[in-house]
Protein backbone atom coordinates (compact mmCIF):
# COMPACT_ATOMS: atom_id res chain seq x y z
CA UNK A 1 10.04 -20.06 -7.88
CA UNK A 2 9.63 -19.41 -11.63
CA UNK A 3 5.87 -18.93 -11.19
CA UNK A 4 6.44 -16.43 -8.41
CA UNK A 5 8.88 -14.45 -10.57
CA UNK A 6 6.28 -14.36 -13.38
CA UNK A 7 3.63 -13.04 -10.97
CA UNK A 8 5.95 -10.38 -9.58
CA UNK A 9 6.82 -9.20 -13.09
CA UNK A 10 3.18 -9.20 -14.29
CA UNK A 11 1.56 -7.40 -11.36
CA UNK A 12 2.83 -3.80 -11.60
CA UNK A 13 2.08 -3.34 -15.31
CA UNK A 14 5.66 -2.20 -16.11
CA UNK A 15 8.77 -4.03 -17.27
CA UNK A 16 10.94 -4.90 -14.30
CA UNK A 17 14.66 -5.57 -14.07
CA UNK A 18 16.30 -8.21 -11.91
CA UNK A 19 14.13 -9.40 -9.04
CA UNK A 20 15.86 -9.79 -5.67
CA UNK A 21 14.41 -11.66 -2.82
CA UNK A 22 12.40 -12.61 -1.16
CA UNK A 23 13.27 -9.78 1.24
CA UNK A 24 10.30 -10.22 3.59
CA UNK A 25 8.23 -13.22 4.64
CA UNK A 26 5.34 -12.55 7.05
CA UNK A 27 1.90 -14.06 7.74
CA UNK A 28 -1.18 -11.87 7.42
CA UNK A 29 -4.92 -12.39 7.25
CA UNK A 30 -6.78 -12.38 3.95
CA UNK A 31 -10.39 -12.70 2.88
CA UNK A 32 -13.69 -12.62 4.74
CA UNK A 33 -12.82 -15.58 6.96
CA UNK A 34 -9.47 -14.07 8.00
CA UNK A 35 -7.38 -17.04 6.88
CA UNK A 36 -3.64 -16.65 7.41
CA UNK A 37 -1.60 -16.51 4.20
CA UNK A 38 2.09 -15.75 3.60
CA UNK A 39 3.04 -12.26 2.42
CA UNK A 40 6.21 -12.41 0.34
CA UNK A 41 7.96 -9.17 -0.60
CA UNK A 42 10.49 -8.86 -3.42
CA UNK A 43 12.76 -5.99 -4.46
CA UNK A 44 13.16 -4.83 -8.06
CA UNK A 45 13.51 -1.71 -10.19
CA UNK A 46 11.31 -0.56 -13.05
CA UNK A 47 13.35 -0.84 -16.23
CA UNK A 48 10.65 0.34 -18.67
CA UNK A 49 7.26 2.06 -18.45
CA UNK A 50 5.39 3.20 -15.35
CA UNK A 51 4.07 1.25 -12.41
CA UNK A 52 0.29 0.90 -12.26
CA UNK A 53 -0.02 1.71 -8.54
CA UNK A 54 -3.64 0.59 -8.21
CA UNK A 55 -2.90 -2.76 -9.81
CA UNK A 56 0.34 -3.38 -7.90
CA UNK A 57 -0.88 -2.35 -4.46
CA UNK A 58 1.89 0.24 -4.16
CA UNK A 59 0.65 3.24 -2.19
């Protein structure tokens, strides 16, 4: 779980507070061959800076 927390904190490009979750677990397809992979969603708040929406995938 520590590796996942590091990834969640690194992805948006902003400093995040406490990370809650996972709040969603769902399979989805990824890549050219359409392999199924788990999508894991976490909840957090930005504590410092701004979220880099392109980098984080937030629309």
